Amino acid sequence: MKIAIFEVEEWERGAFMALEAAHEIVFSHDPIGAGNADEFSGAEVISTFIYSDLGADVLARLKGLKLIATRSTGFDHIDTGYCARKGVLVSNVPAYGDNTVAEHVFGLMLMISHNLYESVERTRKGDFSIKGLRGFDLLGKTLGVLGTGRIGRCVIEIARGFRMDVLAYDIHPDNALAERLGFRYAPVEEVLSSSDIITVHLPATASTRDLISKKEFSMMKEGAVIINTARGGIIDVQALLEAVTKGRVRAAGLDVLPEEPSIREEAELIRSIAMKKPLEALLADHVLLKHRNVYITPHNAFNTKEAVGRILDTTVDNIASYIRGAPKNIVAGYEFASTKG
């Protein structure tokens, strides 16, 4: 069986060695996309991270494809409708870094609340003045958590340790969890209007696309802070840019952007414009990168030694389970709709 592993670093290859004895494995540092898909048309299994283009036009070139083992929890980079029609299975990594991402949330939060970035930059230049660096306590502030899945729950646990009050919104409230952790569920409008800091932990779906837009920013407290480590498309970046420029939002901490893969290099930006990708969102992303009240990290919230190890272990197990005829962690592929693993 031919297995192609994309977006892989040299040190990660060792995780797949257990499969090499009986199968042909090829590795690529690059994502898979329209430019190179034909080279891998014979692969039965591919494994990617989130920057590969797995739309129907690319998938159609992979004539032998039977399994996509994405090394992520989210799978919005994959055309799952095409996979369902063609019987291509998609497996994911349902849990690998709940605490890891939650810790990053508080890294962004503390960077904003204590002006850590500015403080470090100033002292590196030999300036030990504290003028303009006064921050604010997290103690006693209200944290609004949008989404109380695995990561959202970890965020709430940490927030309670900081002695923050917590309001949460979820389409499936877990009242037992709320009682145990000491927070309250509320309608999304109340969460937005009552919170000093809002953090997003929702999946990327059609219903969450631009969920936080101009109307939602207008509901927020003057000077609220927003954190997003989920998916870039959940926040309308043009509305965010307007909100931080006018001061409605004091600051934003973002680990994700809607057109993130396209702004990594100028060549990608030019290609995206040629492909008629949303130019307004691309430009807003670029302006946000330079905005003094916006702190952006490069989709790095997941990236600890422990979390990446769990991703690799689960992905290899997903592939091995498919080979054994007992696929697990399946999120698309209608023949195996009941095998969630």
C-alpha atoms as a PDB file:
ATOM      1  CA  MET A   1       0.000   0.000   0.000  1.00  0.00           C
ATOM      2  CA  LYS A   2       1.253   3.481  -0.855  1.00  0.00           C
ATOM      3  CA  ILE A   3       1.015   6.028   1.965  1.00  0.00           C
ATOM      4  CA  ALA A   4       1.898   9.699   1.399  1.00  0.00           C
ATOM      5  CA  ILE A   5       2.634  11.966   4.370  1.00  0.00           C
ATOM      6  CA  PHE A   6       2.526  15.727   3.723  1.00  0.00           C
ATOM      7  CA  GLU A   7       3.576  18.816   5.692  1.00  0.00           C
ATOM      8  CA  VAL A   8       5.982  16.634   7.645  1.00  0.00           C
ATOM      9  CA  GLU A   9       9.219  17.719   9.272  1.00  0.00           C
ATOM     10  CA  GLU A  10      12.303  15.517   9.215  1.00  0.00           C
ATOM     11  CA  TRP A  11      12.089  14.565  12.885  1.00  0.00           C
ATOM     12  CA  GLU A  12       8.439  13.489  12.529  1.00  0.00           C
ATOM     13  CA  ARG A  13       9.224  10.750  10.012  1.00  0.00           C
ATOM     14  CA  GLY A  14      10.327   8.347  12.711  1.00  0.00           C
ATOM     15  CA  ALA A  15       6.772   8.099  14.038  1.00  0.00           C
ATOM     16  CA  PHE A  16       5.736   6.359  10.821  1.00  0.00           C
ATOM     17  CA  MET A  17       8.571   3.814  10.792  1.00  0.00           C
ATOM     18  CA  ALA A  18       6.316   1.067  12.179  1.00  0.00           C
ATOM     19  CA  LEU A  19       4.374   1.192   8.906  1.00  0.00           C
ATOM     20  CA  GLU A  20       7.405   1.161   6.603  1.00  0.00           C
ATOM     21  CA  ALA A  21       8.162  -2.562   6.778  1.00  0.00           C
ATOM     22  CA  ALA A  22       5.005  -3.572   4.933  1.00  0.00           C
ATOM     23  CA  HIS A  23       4.103  -0.433   3.001  1.00  0.00           C
ATOM     24  CA  GLU A  24       5.578   2.170   0.672  1.00  0.00           C
ATOM     25  CA  ILE A  25       5.726   5.510   2.471  1.00  0.00           C
ATOM     26  CA  VAL A  26       6.641   8.782   0.806  1.00  0.00           C
ATOM     27  CA  PHE A  27       7.169  12.012   2.678  1.00  0.00           C
ATOM     28  CA  SER A  28       6.771  15.616   1.575  1.00  0.00           C
ATOM     29  CA  HIS A  29       7.627  18.743   3.501  1.00  0.00           C
ATOM     30  CA  ASP A  30       5.122  20.587   1.299  1.00  0.00           C
ATOM     31  CA  PRO A  31       1.331  20.546   1.482  1.00  0.00           C
ATOM     32  CA  ILE A  32      -0.598  18.728  -1.224  1.00  0.00           C
ATOM     33  CA  GLY A  33      -2.488  20.896  -3.690  1.00  0.00           C
ATOM     34  CA  ALA A  34      -3.281  21.423  -7.323  1.00  0.00           C
ATOM     35  CA  GLY A  35       0.406  21.791  -8.194  1.00  0.00           C
ATOM     36  CA  ASN A  36       1.577  18.390  -6.993  1.00  0.00           C
ATOM     37  CA  ALA A  37      -1.495  16.140  -6.561  1.00  0.00           C
ATOM     38  CA  ASP A  38      -0.854  14.208  -9.782  1.00  0.00           C
ATOM     39  CA  GLU A  39       2.456  12.948  -8.378  1.00  0.00           C
ATOM     40  CA  PHE A  40       0.564  11.054  -5.678  1.00  0.00           C
ATOM     41  CA  SER A  41      -2.350   9.682  -7.675  1.00  0.00           C
ATOM     42  CA  GLY A  42      -1.503   6.122  -6.621  1.00  0.00           C
ATOM     43  CA  ALA A  43      -1.606   6.773  -2.875  1.00  0.00           C
ATOM     44  CA  GLU A  44      -4.314   4.875  -1.003  1.00  0.00           C
ATOM     45  CA  VAL A  45      -3.673   6.781   2.224  1.00  0.00           C
ATOM     46  CA  ILE A  46      -2.581  10.375   2.676  1.00  0.00           C
ATOM     47  CA  SER A  47      -1.899  12.260   5.878  1.00  0.00           C
ATOM     48  CA  THR A  48      -1.881  16.053   5.995  1.00  0.00           C
ATOM     49  CA  PHE A  49      -1.954  18.925   8.406  1.00  0.00           C
ATOM     50  CA  ILE A  50      -4.297  21.877   7.859  1.00  0.00           C
ATOM     51  CA  TYR A  51      -2.510  23.742   5.072  1.00  0.00           C
ATOM     52  CA  SER A  52      -3.096  21.200   2.332  1.00  0.00           C
ATOM     53  CA  ASP A  53      -5.758  22.005  -0.230  1.00  0.00           C
ATOM     54  CA  LEU A  54      -8.118  19.046  -0.145  1.00  0.00           C
ATOM     55  CA  GLY A  55     -10.931  20.408  -2.259  1.00  0.00           C
ATOM     56  CA  ALA A  56     -12.799  18.239  -4.750  1.00  0.00           C
ATOM     57  CA  ASP A  57     -10.559  19.272  -7.656  1.00  0.00           C
ATOM     58  CA  VAL A  58      -7.448  18.057  -5.835  1.00  0.00           C
ATOM     59  CA  LEU A  59      -9.065  14.935  -4.390  1.00  0.00           C
ATOM     60  CA  ALA A  60     -10.302  13.901  -7.852  1.00  0.00           C
ATOM     61  CA  ARG A  61      -6.674  13.583  -8.985  1.00  0.00           C
ATOM     62  CA  LEU A  62      -5.921  11.043  -6.248  1.00  0.00           C
ATOM     63  CA  LYS A  63      -7.409   8.097  -8.111  1.00  0.00           C
ATOM     64  CA  GLY A  64      -6.453   5.442  -5.550  1.00  0.00           C
ATOM     65  CA  LEU A  65      -7.370   7.399  -2.415  1.00  0.00           C
ATOM     66  CA  LYS A  66      -9.234   5.540   0.342  1.00  0.00           C
ATOM     67  CA  LEU A  67      -8.235   7.328   3.566  1.00  0.00           C
ATOM     68  CA  ILE A  68      -7.282  10.868   4.566  1.00  0.00           C
ATOM     69  CA  ALA A  69      -5.692  10.879   8.028  1.00  0.00           C
ATOM     70  CA  THR A  70      -5.626  14.545   8.980  1.00  0.00           C
ATOM     71  CA  ARG A  71      -3.255  15.439  11.791  1.00  0.00           C
ATOM     72  CA  SER A  72      -5.741  17.834  13.332  1.00  0.00           C
ATOM     73  CA  THR A  73      -9.053  17.869  15.149  1.00  0.00           C
ATOM     74  CA  GLY A  74     -10.694  20.177  12.629  1.00  0.00           C
ATOM     75  CA  PHE A  75     -11.309  18.960   9.083  1.00  0.00           C
ATOM     76  CA  ASP A  76     -12.754  22.033   7.387  1.00  0.00           C
ATOM     77  CA  HIS A  77      -9.784  21.984   4.964  1.00  0.00           C
ATOM     78  CA  ILE A  78     -11.203  18.772   3.450  1.00  0.00           C
ATOM     79  CA  ASP A  79     -14.190  18.526   1.110  1.00  0.00           C
ATOM     80  CA  THR A  80     -16.025  15.939   3.195  1.00  0.00           C
ATOM     81  CA  GLY A  81     -18.998  16.004   0.829  1.00  0.00           C
ATOM     82  CA  TYR A  82     -16.774  14.720  -1.968  1.00  0.00           C
ATOM     83  CA  CYS A  83     -15.329  12.107   0.374  1.00  0.00           C
ATOM     84  CA  ALA A  84     -18.795  10.891   1.345  1.00  0.00           C
ATOM     85  CA  ARG A  85     -19.828  10.572  -2.293  1.00  0.00           C
ATOM     86  CA  LYS A  86     -16.672   8.690  -3.259  1.00  0.00           C
ATOM     87  CA  GLY A  87     -16.406   6.544  -0.127  1.00  0.00           C
ATOM     88  CA  VAL A  88     -13.133   8.137   0.963  1.00  0.00           C
ATOM     89  CA  LEU A  89     -12.729   7.879   4.722  1.00  0.00           C
ATOM     90  CA  VAL A  90     -11.477  10.827   6.752  1.00  0.00           C
ATOM     91  CA  SER A  91      -9.993  10.273  10.204  1.00  0.00           C
ATOM     92  CA  ASN A  92      -8.983  13.004  12.605  1.00  0.00           C
ATOM     93  CA  VAL A  93      -7.224  13.426  15.945  1.00  0.00           C
ATOM     94  CA  PRO A  94     -10.138  14.136  18.264  1.00  0.00           C
ATOM     95  CA  ALA A  95      -8.057  15.151  21.267  1.00  0.00           C
ATOM     96  CA  TYR A  96      -4.380  15.950  21.596  1.00  0.00           C
ATOM     97  CA  GLY A  97      -3.885  19.352  23.152  1.00  0.00           C
ATOM     98  CA  ASP A  98      -6.891  20.505  25.149  1.00  0.00           C
ATOM     99  CA  ASN A  99      -4.689  21.863  27.920  1.00  0.00           C
ATOM    100  CA  THR A 100      -2.059  22.952  25.370  1.00  0.00           C
ATOM    101  CA  VAL A 101      -4.386  25.306  23.502  1.00  0.00           C
ATOM    102  CA  ALA A 102      -5.995  26.490  26.749  1.00  0.00           C
ATOM    103  CA  GLU A 103      -2.561  27.433  28.090  1.00  0.00           C
ATOM    104  CA  HIS A 104      -1.901  29.415  24.903  1.00  0.00           C
ATOM    105  CA  VAL A 105      -5.175  31.285  25.442  1.00  0.00           C
ATOM    106  CA  PHE A 106      -3.886  32.506  28.778  1.00  0.00           C
ATOM    107  CA  GLY A 107      -0.505  33.289  27.262  1.00  0.00           C
ATOM    108  CA  LEU A 108      -2.255  35.688  24.881  1.00  0.00           C
ATOM    109  CA  MET A 109      -4.483  36.964  27.667  1.00  0.00           C
ATOM    110  CA  LEU A 110      -1.564  37.734  29.978  1.00  0.00           C
ATOM    111  CA  MET A 111       0.432  39.283  27.139  1.00  0.00           C
ATOM    112  CA  ILE A 112      -2.446  41.741  26.693  1.00  0.00           C
ATOM    113  CA  SER A 113      -3.404  42.287  30.331  1.00  0.00           C
ATOM    114  CA  HIS A 114       0.191  42.873  31.494  1.00  0.00           C
ATOM    115  CA  ASN A 115       1.563  44.486  28.308  1.00  0.00           C
ATOM    116  CA  LEU A 116       4.239  41.796  28.180  1.00  0.00           C
ATOM    117  CA  TYR A 117       5.174  42.187  24.526  1.00  0.00           C
ATOM    118  CA  GLU A 118       5.712  45.934  24.829  1.00  0.00           C
ATOM    119  CA  SER A 119       7.585  45.491  28.124  1.00  0.00           C
ATOM    120  CA  VAL A 120      10.065  43.030  26.643  1.00  0.00           C
ATOM    121  CA  GLU A 121      10.577  45.061  23.465  1.00  0.00           C
ATOM    122  CA  ARG A 122      11.193  48.220  25.484  1.00  0.00           C
ATOM    123  CA  THR A 123      13.756  46.717  27.854  1.00  0.00           C
ATOM    124  CA  ARG A 124      15.604  45.057  24.954  1.00  0.00           C
ATOM    125  CA  LYS A 125      16.247  48.578  23.725  1.00  0.00           C
ATOM    126  CA  GLY A 126      17.619  49.570  27.131  1.00  0.00           C
ATOM    127  CA  ASP A 127      14.525  51.557  28.110  1.00  0.00           C
ATOM    128  CA  PHE A 128      13.303  50.670  31.611  1.00  0.00           C
ATOM    129  CA  SER A 129      10.510  53.236  31.731  1.00  0.00           C
ATOM    130  CA  ILE A 130       7.095  51.851  32.722  1.00  0.00           C
ATOM    131  CA  LYS A 131       5.172  54.747  31.221  1.00  0.00           C
ATOM    132  CA  GLY A 132       2.184  53.476  29.229  1.00  0.00           C
ATOM    133  CA  LEU A 133       2.634  49.898  30.423  1.00  0.00           C
ATOM    134  CA  ARG A 134      -0.040  49.805  33.106  1.00  0.00           C
ATOM    135  CA  GLY A 135      -2.173  46.703  32.631  1.00  0.00           C
ATOM    136  CA  PHE A 136      -5.152  45.163  34.386  1.00  0.00           C
ATOM    137  CA  ASP A 137      -5.839  42.225  36.686  1.00  0.00           C
ATOM    138  CA  LEU A 138      -7.597  39.079  35.546  1.00  0.00           C
ATOM    139  CA  LEU A 139      -8.882  38.617  39.100  1.00  0.00           C
ATOM    140  CA  GLY A 140     -12.576  39.479  39.229  1.00  0.00           C
ATOM    141  CA  LYS A 141     -12.944  39.959  35.476  1.00  0.00           C
ATOM    142  CA  THR A 142     -15.702  38.158  33.588  1.00  0.00           C
ATOM    143  CA  LEU A 143     -14.498  35.711  30.960  1.00  0.00           C
ATOM    144  CA  GLY A 144     -16.944  34.813  28.192  1.00  0.00           C
ATOM    145  CA  VAL A 145     -16.299  31.353  26.750  1.00  0.00           C
ATOM    146  CA  LEU A 146     -17.928  30.557  23.418  1.00  0.00           C
ATOM    147  CA  GLY A 147     -17.940  26.767  23.204  1.00  0.00           C
ATOM    148  CA  THR A 148     -17.463  24.423  26.160  1.00  0.00           C
ATOM    149  CA  GLY A 149     -15.980  21.397  24.451  1.00  0.00           C
ATOM    150  CA  ARG A 150     -12.684  19.901  25.559  1.00  0.00           C
ATOM    151  CA  ILE A 151     -10.606  23.060  25.107  1.00  0.00           C
ATOM    152  CA  GLY A 152     -13.296  25.406  26.411  1.00  0.00           C
ATOM    153  CA  ARG A 153     -13.563  23.316  29.574  1.00  0.00           C
ATOM    154  CA  CYS A 154      -9.812  23.538  30.161  1.00  0.00           C
ATOM    155  CA  VAL A 155      -9.980  27.302  29.685  1.00  0.00           C
ATOM    156  CA  ILE A 156     -12.720  27.530  32.304  1.00  0.00           C
ATOM    157  CA  GLU A 157     -10.712  25.439  34.763  1.00  0.00           C
ATOM    158  CA  ILE A 158      -7.716  27.751  34.366  1.00  0.00           C
ATOM    159  CA  ALA A 159      -9.907  30.851  34.580  1.00  0.00           C
ATOM    160  CA  ARG A 160     -11.359  29.707  37.870  1.00  0.00           C
ATOM    161  CA  GLY A 161      -7.781  29.343  39.125  1.00  0.00           C
ATOM    162  CA  PHE A 162      -7.260  33.020  38.272  1.00  0.00           C
ATOM    163  CA  ARG A 163     -10.472  33.701  40.247  1.00  0.00           C
ATOM    164  CA  MET A 164     -12.288  35.016  37.198  1.00  0.00           C
ATOM    165  CA  ASP A 165     -16.059  34.891  36.825  1.00  0.00           C
ATOM    166  CA  VAL A 166     -17.117  32.815  33.810  1.00  0.00           C
ATOM    167  CA  LEU A 167     -20.101  33.048  31.485  1.00  0.00           C
ATOM    168  CA  ALA A 168     -20.368  30.481  28.717  1.00  0.00           C
ATOM    169  CA  TYR A 169     -22.381  29.774  25.606  1.00  0.00           C
ATOM    170  CA  ASP A 170     -22.826  26.393  23.974  1.00  0.00           C
ATOM    171  CA  ILE A 171     -25.608  24.937  21.845  1.00  0.00           C
ATOM    172  CA  HIS A 172     -25.472  21.880  24.130  1.00  0.00           C
ATOM    173  CA  PRO A 173     -25.069  23.216  27.700  1.00  0.00           C
ATOM    174  CA  ASP A 174     -23.541  20.832  30.223  1.00  0.00           C
ATOM    175  CA  ASN A 175     -25.222  21.914  33.441  1.00  0.00           C
ATOM    176  CA  ALA A 176     -23.398  19.317  35.535  1.00  0.00           C
ATOM    177  CA  LEU A 177     -20.089  20.757  34.290  1.00  0.00           C
ATOM    178  CA  ALA A 178     -21.263  24.293  35.089  1.00  0.00           C
ATOM    179  CA  GLU A 179     -22.135  23.300  38.624  1.00  0.00           C
ATOM    180  CA  ARG A 180     -18.860  21.463  39.121  1.00  0.00           C
ATOM    181  CA  LEU A 181     -16.638  24.271  37.786  1.00  0.00           C
ATOM    182  CA  GLY A 182     -18.709  27.171  39.080  1.00  0.00           C
ATOM    183  CA  PHE A 183     -19.746  29.007  35.937  1.00  0.00           C
ATOM    184  CA  ARG A 184     -23.040  29.920  34.291  1.00  0.00           C
ATOM    185  CA  TYR A 185     -24.425  29.333  30.807  1.00  0.00           C
ATOM    186  CA  ALA A 186     -26.091  32.318  29.155  1.00  0.00           C
ATOM    187  CA  PRO A 187     -27.390  33.330  25.718  1.00  0.00           C
ATOM    188  CA  VAL A 188     -24.628  34.438  23.359  1.00  0.00           C
ATOM    189  CA  GLU A 189     -25.900  38.042  23.491  1.00  0.00           C
ATOM    190  CA  GLU A 190     -25.428  38.134  27.281  1.00  0.00           C
ATOM    191  CA  VAL A 191     -22.000  36.541  27.063  1.00  0.00           C
ATOM    192  CA  LEU A 192     -20.887  39.177  24.558  1.00  0.00           C
ATOM    193  CA  SER A 193     -22.352  42.141  26.428  1.00  0.00           C
ATOM    194  CA  SER A 194     -21.280  41.123  29.946  1.00  0.00           C
ATOM    195  CA  SER A 195     -17.748  39.822  29.446  1.00  0.00           C
ATOM    196  CA  ASP A 196     -14.503  41.726  29.876  1.00  0.00           C
ATOM    197  CA  ILE A 197     -12.651  39.095  27.838  1.00  0.00           C
ATOM    198  CA  ILE A 198     -14.169  36.753  25.247  1.00  0.00           C
ATOM    199  CA  THR A 199     -12.480  33.582  24.035  1.00  0.00           C
ATOM    200  CA  VAL A 200     -13.641  31.496  21.067  1.00  0.00           C
ATOM    201  CA  HIS A 201     -13.686  27.680  21.092  1.00  0.00           C
ATOM    202  CA  LEU A 202     -16.154  26.755  18.357  1.00  0.00           C
ATOM    203  CA  PRO A 203     -15.734  24.535  15.286  1.00  0.00           C
ATOM    204  CA  ALA A 204     -15.636  25.960  11.771  1.00  0.00           C
ATOM    205  CA  THR A 205     -19.034  25.291  10.215  1.00  0.00           C
ATOM    206  CA  ALA A 206     -21.380  27.125   7.895  1.00  0.00           C
ATOM    207  CA  SER A 207     -23.275  28.389  10.948  1.00  0.00           C
ATOM    208  CA  THR A 208     -20.173  29.741  12.703  1.00  0.00           C
ATOM    209  CA  ARG A 209     -18.685  31.518   9.665  1.00  0.00           C
ATOM    210  CA  ASP A 210     -18.408  35.232  10.606  1.00  0.00           C
ATOM    211  CA  LEU A 211     -20.371  34.470  13.767  1.00  0.00           C
ATOM    212  CA  ILE A 212     -18.709  37.459  15.427  1.00  0.00           C
ATOM    213  CA  SER A 213     -19.236  40.356  13.070  1.00  0.00           C
ATOM    214  CA  LYS A 214     -20.159  44.035  13.254  1.00  0.00           C
ATOM    215  CA  LYS A 215     -23.419  43.412  15.138  1.00  0.00           C
ATOM    216  CA  GLU A 216     -21.723  41.222  17.728  1.00  0.00           C
ATOM    217  CA  PHE A 217     -18.859  43.680  18.259  1.00  0.00           C
ATOM    218  CA  SER A 218     -21.440  46.417  18.882  1.00  0.00           C
ATOM    219  CA  MET A 219     -22.859  44.311  21.757  1.00  0.00           C
ATOM    220  CA  MET A 220     -19.531  44.047  23.554  1.00  0.00           C
ATOM    221  CA  LYS A 221     -18.391  46.139  26.467  1.00  0.00           C
ATOM    222  CA  GLU A 222     -16.354  49.177  25.494  1.00  0.00           C
ATOM    223  CA  GLY A 223     -12.738  48.047  25.760  1.00  0.00           C
ATOM    224  CA  ALA A 224     -13.385  44.308  25.754  1.00  0.00           C
ATOM    225  CA  VAL A 225     -10.620  41.877  24.775  1.00  0.00           C
ATOM    226  CA  ILE A 226     -11.184  39.022  22.311  1.00  0.00           C
ATOM    227  CA  ILE A 227      -9.101  35.859  21.959  1.00  0.00           C
ATOM    228  CA  ASN A 228      -9.407  33.360  19.093  1.00  0.00           C
ATOM    229  CA  THR A 229      -7.464  30.101  18.975  1.00  0.00           C
ATOM    230  CA  ALA A 230     -10.207  28.147  17.169  1.00  0.00           C
ATOM    231  CA  ARG A 231     -10.689  28.959  13.473  1.00  0.00           C
ATOM    232  CA  GLY A 232     -10.073  32.282  11.756  1.00  0.00           C
ATOM    233  CA  GLY A 233     -13.336  32.347   9.836  1.00  0.00           C
ATOM    234  CA  ILE A 234     -15.437  32.550  13.004  1.00  0.00           C
ATOM    235  CA  ILE A 235     -14.516  36.226  13.383  1.00  0.00           C
ATOM    236  CA  ASP A 236     -15.212  38.715  10.593  1.00  0.00           C
ATOM    237  CA  VAL A 237     -11.746  40.274  10.366  1.00  0.00           C
ATOM    238  CA  GLN A 238     -12.989  43.436   8.684  1.00  0.00           C
ATOM    239  CA  ALA A 239     -15.417  44.007  11.556  1.00  0.00           C
ATOM    240  CA  LEU A 240     -12.630  43.225  14.049  1.00  0.00           C
ATOM    241  CA  LEU A 241     -10.306  45.711  12.380  1.00  0.00           C
ATOM    242  CA  GLU A 242     -12.975  48.403  12.664  1.00  0.00           C
ATOM    243  CA  ALA A 243     -13.676  47.489  16.318  1.00  0.00           C
ATOM    244  CA  VAL A 244     -10.025  47.697  17.433  1.00  0.00           C
ATOM    245  CA  THR A 245      -9.402  50.861  15.415  1.00  0.00           C
ATOM    246  CA  LYS A 246     -12.374  52.622  17.032  1.00  0.00           C
ATOM    247  CA  GLY A 247     -11.572  51.273  20.504  1.00  0.00           C
ATOM    248  CA  ARG A 248     -14.702  49.171  20.911  1.00  0.00           C
ATOM    249  CA  VAL A 249     -12.255  46.269  21.348  1.00  0.00           C
ATOM    250  CA  ARG A 250      -9.246  47.111  23.491  1.00  0.00           C
ATOM    251  CA  ALA A 251      -7.101  44.333  22.070  1.00  0.00           C
ATOM    252  CA  ALA A 252      -7.256  41.008  20.255  1.00  0.00           C
ATOM    253  CA  GLY A 253      -5.130  37.897  20.660  1.00  0.00           C
ATOM    254  CA  LEU A 254      -5.327  35.655  17.597  1.00  0.00           C
ATOM    255  CA  ASP A 255      -3.697  32.351  16.754  1.00  0.00           C
ATOM    256  CA  VAL A 256      -5.792  31.956  13.597  1.00  0.00           C
ATOM    257  CA  LEU A 257      -6.816  34.100  10.628  1.00  0.00           C
ATOM    258  CA  PRO A 258      -9.402  33.345   7.917  1.00  0.00           C
ATOM    259  CA  GLU A 259      -6.969  33.601   5.013  1.00  0.00           C
ATOM    260  CA  GLU A 260      -4.037  32.399   7.060  1.00  0.00           C
ATOM    261  CA  PRO A 261      -2.459  30.003   4.531  1.00  0.00           C
ATOM    262  CA  SER A 262      -2.575  32.684   1.856  1.00  0.00           C
ATOM    263  CA  ILE A 263      -0.716  35.381   3.779  1.00  0.00           C
ATOM    264  CA  ARG A 264       2.251  33.277   4.810  1.00  0.00           C
ATOM    265  CA  GLU A 265       4.262  34.539   1.865  1.00  0.00           C
ATOM    266  CA  GLU A 266       3.798  37.367  -0.585  1.00  0.00           C
ATOM    267  CA  ALA A 267       3.784  34.877  -3.453  1.00  0.00           C
ATOM    268  CA  GLU A 268       0.834  33.152  -1.857  1.00  0.00           C
ATOM    269  CA  LEU A 269      -0.962  36.485  -1.529  1.00  0.00           C
ATOM    270  CA  ILE A 270      -0.496  37.203  -5.231  1.00  0.00           C
ATOM    271  CA  ARG A 271      -1.685  33.703  -6.128  1.00  0.00           C
ATOM    272  CA  SER A 272      -4.758  34.092  -3.928  1.00  0.00           C
ATOM    273  CA  ILE A 273      -5.693  37.349  -5.624  1.00  0.00           C
ATOM    274  CA  ALA A 274      -5.343  35.668  -9.001  1.00  0.00           C
ATOM    275  CA  MET A 275      -7.620  32.874  -7.765  1.00  0.00           C
ATOM    276  CA  LYS A 276     -10.173  35.488  -6.638  1.00  0.00           C
ATOM    277  CA  LYS A 277      -9.974  34.563  -2.985  1.00  0.00           C
ATOM    278  CA  PRO A 278     -11.639  37.154  -0.684  1.00  0.00           C
ATOM    279  CA  LEU A 279      -9.393  40.163  -1.200  1.00  0.00           C
ATOM    280  CA  GLU A 280     -11.012  42.186   1.593  1.00  0.00           C
ATOM    281  CA  ALA A 281     -10.281  39.469   4.158  1.00  0.00           C
ATOM    282  CA  LEU A 282      -6.697  39.089   2.911  1.00  0.00           C
ATOM    283  CA  LEU A 283      -6.066  42.814   3.244  1.00  0.00           C
ATOM    284  CA  ALA A 284      -7.709  42.933   6.670  1.00  0.00           C
ATOM    285  CA  ASP A 285      -5.469  40.076   7.801  1.00  0.00           C
ATOM    286  CA  HIS A 286      -2.394  42.003   6.674  1.00  0.00           C
ATOM    287  CA  VAL A 287      -3.472  45.201   8.440  1.00  0.00           C
ATOM    288  CA  LEU A 288      -4.229  43.284  11.645  1.00  0.00           C
ATOM    289  CA  LEU A 289      -0.700  41.824  11.579  1.00  0.00           C
ATOM    290  CA  LYS A 290       0.698  45.345  12.037  1.00  0.00           C
ATOM    291  CA  HIS A 291      -1.955  46.753  14.367  1.00  0.00           C
ATOM    292  CA  ARG A 292      -0.541  47.832  17.736  1.00  0.00           C
ATOM    293  CA  ASN A 293      -3.496  46.372  19.674  1.00  0.00           C
ATOM    294  CA  VAL A 294      -3.580  43.008  17.909  1.00  0.00           C
ATOM    295  CA  TYR A 295      -1.295  40.145  18.911  1.00  0.00           C
ATOM    296  CA  ILE A 296      -1.057  37.336  16.383  1.00  0.00           C
ATOM    297  CA  THR A 297       0.740  34.025  16.743  1.00  0.00           C
ATOM    298  CA  PRO A 298       1.300  31.707  13.733  1.00  0.00           C
ATOM    299  CA  HIS A 299      -1.304  29.009  14.475  1.00  0.00           C
ATOM    300  CA  ASN A 300       1.065  27.795  17.159  1.00  0.00           C
ATOM    301  CA  ALA A 301      -1.291  27.106  20.089  1.00  0.00           C
ATOM    302  CA  PHE A 302      -1.091  23.337  19.543  1.00  0.00           C
ATOM    303  CA  ASN A 303       2.674  23.252  19.167  1.00  0.00           C
ATOM    304  CA  THR A 304       4.234  21.670  22.230  1.00  0.00           C
ATOM    305  CA  LYS A 305       6.407  18.562  22.317  1.00  0.00           C
ATOM    306  CA  GLU A 306       3.739  16.647  24.194  1.00  0.00           C
ATOM    307  CA  ALA A 307       0.812  17.653  21.990  1.00  0.00           C
ATOM    308  CA  VAL A 308       2.641  16.994  18.708  1.00  0.00           C
ATOM    309  CA  GLY A 309       3.654  13.580  20.022  1.00  0.00           C
ATOM    310  CA  ARG A 310       0.014  12.771  20.730  1.00  0.00           C
ATOM    311  CA  ILE A 311      -0.967  13.935  17.230  1.00  0.00           C
ATOM    312  CA  LEU A 312       1.584  11.653  15.582  1.00  0.00           C
ATOM    313  CA  ASP A 313       0.729   8.653  17.759  1.00  0.00           C
ATOM    314  CA  THR A 314      -2.995   8.980  17.056  1.00  0.00           C
ATOM    315  CA  THR A 315      -2.461   9.500  13.320  1.00  0.00           C
ATOM    316  CA  VAL A 316      -0.263   6.414  12.996  1.00  0.00           C
ATOM    317  CA  ASP A 317      -2.839   4.438  14.957  1.00  0.00           C
ATOM    318  CA  ASN A 318      -5.615   5.739  12.671  1.00  0.00           C
ATOM    319  CA  ILE A 319      -3.704   4.539   9.604  1.00  0.00           C
ATOM    320  CA  ALA A 320      -2.805   1.181  11.172  1.00  0.00           C
ATOM    321  CA  SER A 321      -6.424   0.648  12.224  1.00  0.00           C
ATOM    322  CA  TYR A 322      -7.599   1.302   8.671  1.00  0.00           C
ATOM    323  CA  ILE A 323      -5.055  -1.198   7.340  1.00  0.00           C
ATOM    324  CA  ARG A 324      -6.364  -3.787   9.822  1.00  0.00           C
ATOM    325  CA  GLY A 325      -9.898  -3.212   8.530  1.00  0.00           C
ATOM    326  CA  ALA A 326     -11.143  -1.517  11.707  1.00  0.00           C
ATOM    327  CA  PRO A 327     -10.936   2.229  10.960  1.00  0.00           C
ATOM    328  CA  LYS A 328     -11.333   4.597  13.894  1.00  0.00           C
ATOM    329  CA  ASN A 329     -11.861   8.310  14.540  1.00  0.00           C
ATOM    330  CA  ILE A 330     -13.797   8.515  11.278  1.00  0.00           C
ATOM    331  CA  VAL A 331     -15.462  11.863  10.594  1.00  0.00           C
ATOM    332  CA  ALA A 332     -16.427  11.333   6.918  1.00  0.00           C
ATOM    333  CA  GLY A 333     -17.039   8.403   4.582  1.00  0.00           C
ATOM    334  CA  TYR A 334     -20.579   7.128   4.519  1.00  0.00           C
ATOM    335  CA  GLU A 335     -19.843   3.383   4.503  1.00  0.00           C
ATOM    336  CA  PHE A 336     -18.299   3.710   7.946  1.00  0.00           C
ATOM    337  CA  ALA A 337     -20.640   6.320   9.383  1.00  0.00           C
ATOM    338  CA  SER A 338     -21.033   4.250  12.573  1.00  0.00           C
ATOM    339  CA  THR A 339     -17.322   3.626  13.172  1.00  0.00           C
ATOM    340  CA  LYS A 340     -16.356   6.615  15.229  1.00  0.00           C
ATOM    341  CA  GLY A 341     -13.628   4.657  17.014  1.00  0.00           C
END
